[in-house]
Amino acid sequence: MTTSEADDRRSGGAASMSVDTGALTTAIVAAGASFFAQPGDWTFLSVVLGAAFQLILLAYHRPQQDAGTVQGVFVRAAFAGTVGLSLCIIAGLPLQLAAEKAGMTNEAHAAADAVTEWVSWAWLPVTAVVFWLEPRIARALMRSRPSR
């Protein structure tokens, strides 16, 4: 019997629902950063992947039991940064389409390049807002569904 199986038996199987949030956050950041690292237009696929990242993050986010510790602040910041990145990825294509409509199509990929720069600058304020809202987000995620 492995250690995780023994832990599952002691906790009544609850450990099987646990996820390494550090690994999850790292994977999403790596995948999200790939959108910024490669030149070219923003696509519908980037919106879909950004939304999928967002759903995964919200599905596995739990309120911090040690919110007052330094590690709790880092976990909260990692969540905020990753959610901010996902939201910026989701906004990429709509911003590019708006930039093209506004007339930024005078050279190839000008609108896409401008949007990449805008999204890169927008990430920090979006992250700060999500960091501030994280306790409310966690409480909303842990609320039970209304009964019918």
Protein backbone atom coordinates (compact mmCIF):
# COMPACT_ATOMS: atom_id res chain seq x y z
CA MET A 1 0.00 0.00 0.00
CA THR A 2 1.38 3.41 -0.96
CA THR A 3 1.44 6.39 1.33
CA SER A 4 -1.31 8.14 -0.64
CA GLU A 5 -3.54 5.05 -0.41
CA ALA A 6 -3.00 4.95 3.36
CA ASP A 7 -3.83 8.67 3.56
CA ASP A 8 -6.98 8.05 1.49
CA ARG A 9 -8.14 5.32 3.87
CA ARG A 10 -7.51 7.46 6.96
CA SER A 11 -9.33 10.47 5.50
CA GLY A 12 -12.23 8.47 4.11
CA GLY A 13 -11.19 8.99 0.49
CA ALA A 14 -11.10 12.79 0.67
CA ALA A 15 -7.44 12.90 -0.36
CA SER A 16 -8.37 11.58 -3.79
CA MET A 17 -10.03 14.96 -4.44
CA SER A 18 -6.93 16.94 -3.50
CA VAL A 19 -4.80 18.54 -6.18
CA ASP A 20 -1.29 19.94 -6.00
CA THR A 21 -2.24 23.58 -6.53
CA GLY A 22 1.39 24.55 -7.10
CA ALA A 23 1.68 22.13 -10.00
CA LEU A 24 -1.70 23.24 -11.36
CA THR A 25 -0.74 26.91 -11.18
CA THR A 26 2.67 26.28 -12.78
CA ALA A 27 1.11 24.36 -15.66
CA ILE A 28 -1.43 27.08 -16.33
CA VAL A 29 1.17 29.85 -16.16
CA ALA A 30 3.44 27.93 -18.57
CA ALA A 31 0.59 27.37 -21.02
CA GLY A 32 -0.61 30.95 -20.68
CA ALA A 33 2.85 32.42 -21.14
CA SER A 34 3.10 30.64 -24.47
CA PHE A 35 0.49 33.05 -25.83
CA PHE A 36 2.74 35.99 -25.00
CA ALA A 37 5.93 34.33 -26.23
CA GLN A 38 4.86 33.70 -29.81
CA PRO A 39 4.13 36.45 -32.32
CA GLY A 40 0.94 36.48 -34.33
CA ASP A 41 -2.74 37.09 -34.12
CA TRP A 42 -4.94 36.26 -31.18
CA THR A 43 -7.37 33.50 -32.10
CA PHE A 44 -10.63 32.04 -30.92
CA LEU A 45 -8.58 29.10 -29.62
CA SER A 46 -6.78 31.42 -27.21
CA VAL A 47 -10.15 32.56 -25.83
CA VAL A 48 -11.29 28.96 -25.39
CA LEU A 49 -8.02 27.94 -23.69
CA GLY A 50 -8.09 31.02 -21.43
CA ALA A 51 -11.65 30.15 -20.41
CA ALA A 52 -10.64 26.52 -19.79
CA PHE A 53 -7.74 27.67 -17.60
CA GLN A 54 -10.17 29.88 -15.70
CA LEU A 55 -12.62 27.04 -15.10
CA ILE A 56 -9.84 24.73 -13.89
CA LEU A 57 -8.54 27.37 -11.48
CA LEU A 58 -11.97 28.05 -10.05
CA ALA A 59 -12.79 24.34 -9.79
CA TYR A 60 -9.75 23.58 -7.62
CA HIS A 61 -9.40 26.80 -5.63
CA ARG A 62 -10.08 26.44 -1.91
CA PRO A 63 -10.07 29.07 0.84
CA GLN A 64 -6.74 29.28 2.64
CA GLN A 65 -6.75 27.90 6.17
CA ASP A 66 -3.49 29.75 6.85
CA ALA A 67 -4.47 33.06 5.24
CA GLY A 68 -2.53 35.09 7.82
CA THR A 69 0.82 33.46 7.08
CA VAL A 70 3.40 34.49 4.50
CA GLN A 71 2.77 31.26 2.58
CA GLY A 72 -0.97 32.00 2.59
CA VAL A 73 -0.28 35.39 0.99
CA PHE A 74 1.91 33.73 -1.65
CA VAL A 75 -0.81 31.17 -2.44
CA ARG A 76 -3.33 33.99 -2.73
CA ALA A 77 -0.95 35.93 -5.01
CA ALA A 78 -0.35 32.85 -7.19
CA PHE A 79 -4.10 32.38 -7.58
CA ALA A 80 -4.58 36.07 -8.39
CA GLY A 81 -1.73 36.11 -10.90
CA THR A 82 -2.96 33.01 -12.69
CA VAL A 83 -6.57 34.18 -12.78
CA GLY A 84 -5.35 37.55 -14.06
CA LEU A 85 -3.35 35.83 -16.80
CA SER A 86 -6.37 33.74 -17.84
CA LEU A 87 -8.62 36.80 -17.93
CA CYS A 88 -6.08 38.68 -20.06
CA ILE A 89 -5.83 35.74 -22.48
CA ILE A 90 -9.63 35.69 -22.76
CA ALA A 91 -9.63 39.44 -23.55
CA GLY A 92 -6.95 39.15 -26.27
CA LEU A 93 -9.13 38.35 -29.29
CA PRO A 94 -11.92 40.86 -28.50
CA LEU A 95 -9.30 43.57 -28.01
CA GLN A 96 -7.60 42.64 -31.28
CA LEU A 97 -10.90 42.78 -33.16
CA ALA A 98 -11.65 46.19 -31.62
CA ALA A 99 -8.18 47.46 -32.58
CA GLU A 100 -8.64 46.25 -36.15
CA LYS A 101 -12.05 47.91 -36.32
CA ALA A 102 -10.49 51.15 -35.04
CA GLY A 103 -8.12 51.14 -38.02
CA MET A 104 -4.88 49.64 -36.70
CA THR A 105 -4.50 47.40 -39.76
CA ASN A 106 -2.00 49.55 -41.69
CA GLU A 107 0.74 46.93 -41.31
CA ALA A 108 0.71 43.17 -40.82
CA HIS A 109 -0.03 42.09 -37.26
CA ALA A 110 -0.02 45.67 -35.90
CA ALA A 111 -3.26 45.13 -34.03
CA ALA A 112 -2.13 41.76 -32.61
CA ASP A 113 1.17 43.24 -31.46
CA ALA A 114 -0.58 46.20 -29.84
CA VAL A 115 -3.01 43.89 -28.04
CA THR A 116 -0.16 41.72 -26.76
CA GLU A 117 1.43 44.84 -25.30
CA TRP A 118 -1.88 46.06 -23.80
CA VAL A 119 -2.59 42.65 -22.27
CA SER A 120 0.93 42.48 -20.85
CA TRP A 121 0.45 45.83 -19.12
CA ALA A 122 -3.11 45.02 -18.00
CA TRP A 123 -2.05 41.82 -16.24
CA LEU A 124 -0.67 43.56 -13.13
CA PRO A 125 -3.75 45.69 -12.31
CA VAL A 126 -6.06 42.74 -13.04
CA THR A 127 -3.96 40.60 -10.71
CA ALA A 128 -4.16 43.25 -7.98
CA VAL A 129 -7.96 43.38 -8.24
CA VAL A 130 -8.27 39.57 -8.13
CA PHE A 131 -5.86 39.45 -5.14
CA TRP A 132 -8.09 41.93 -3.31
CA LEU A 133 -11.25 39.97 -4.24
CA GLU A 134 -9.81 36.49 -3.55
CA PRO A 135 -11.46 35.98 -0.11
CA ARG A 136 -14.86 36.83 -1.62
CA ILE A 137 -14.20 34.58 -4.61
CA ALA A 138 -13.23 31.68 -2.31
CA ARG A 139 -16.36 32.15 -0.17
CA ALA A 140 -18.57 32.26 -3.27
CA LEU A 141 -16.98 29.08 -4.63
CA MET A 142 -17.53 27.21 -1.35
CA ARG A 143 -21.19 28.18 -0.96
CA SER A 144 -23.61 25.32 -1.34
CA ARG A 145 -25.96 25.24 -4.25
CA PRO A 146 -29.47 26.51 -3.60
CA SER A 147 -31.99 23.70 -3.23
CA ARG A 148 -34.85 23.48 -5.65
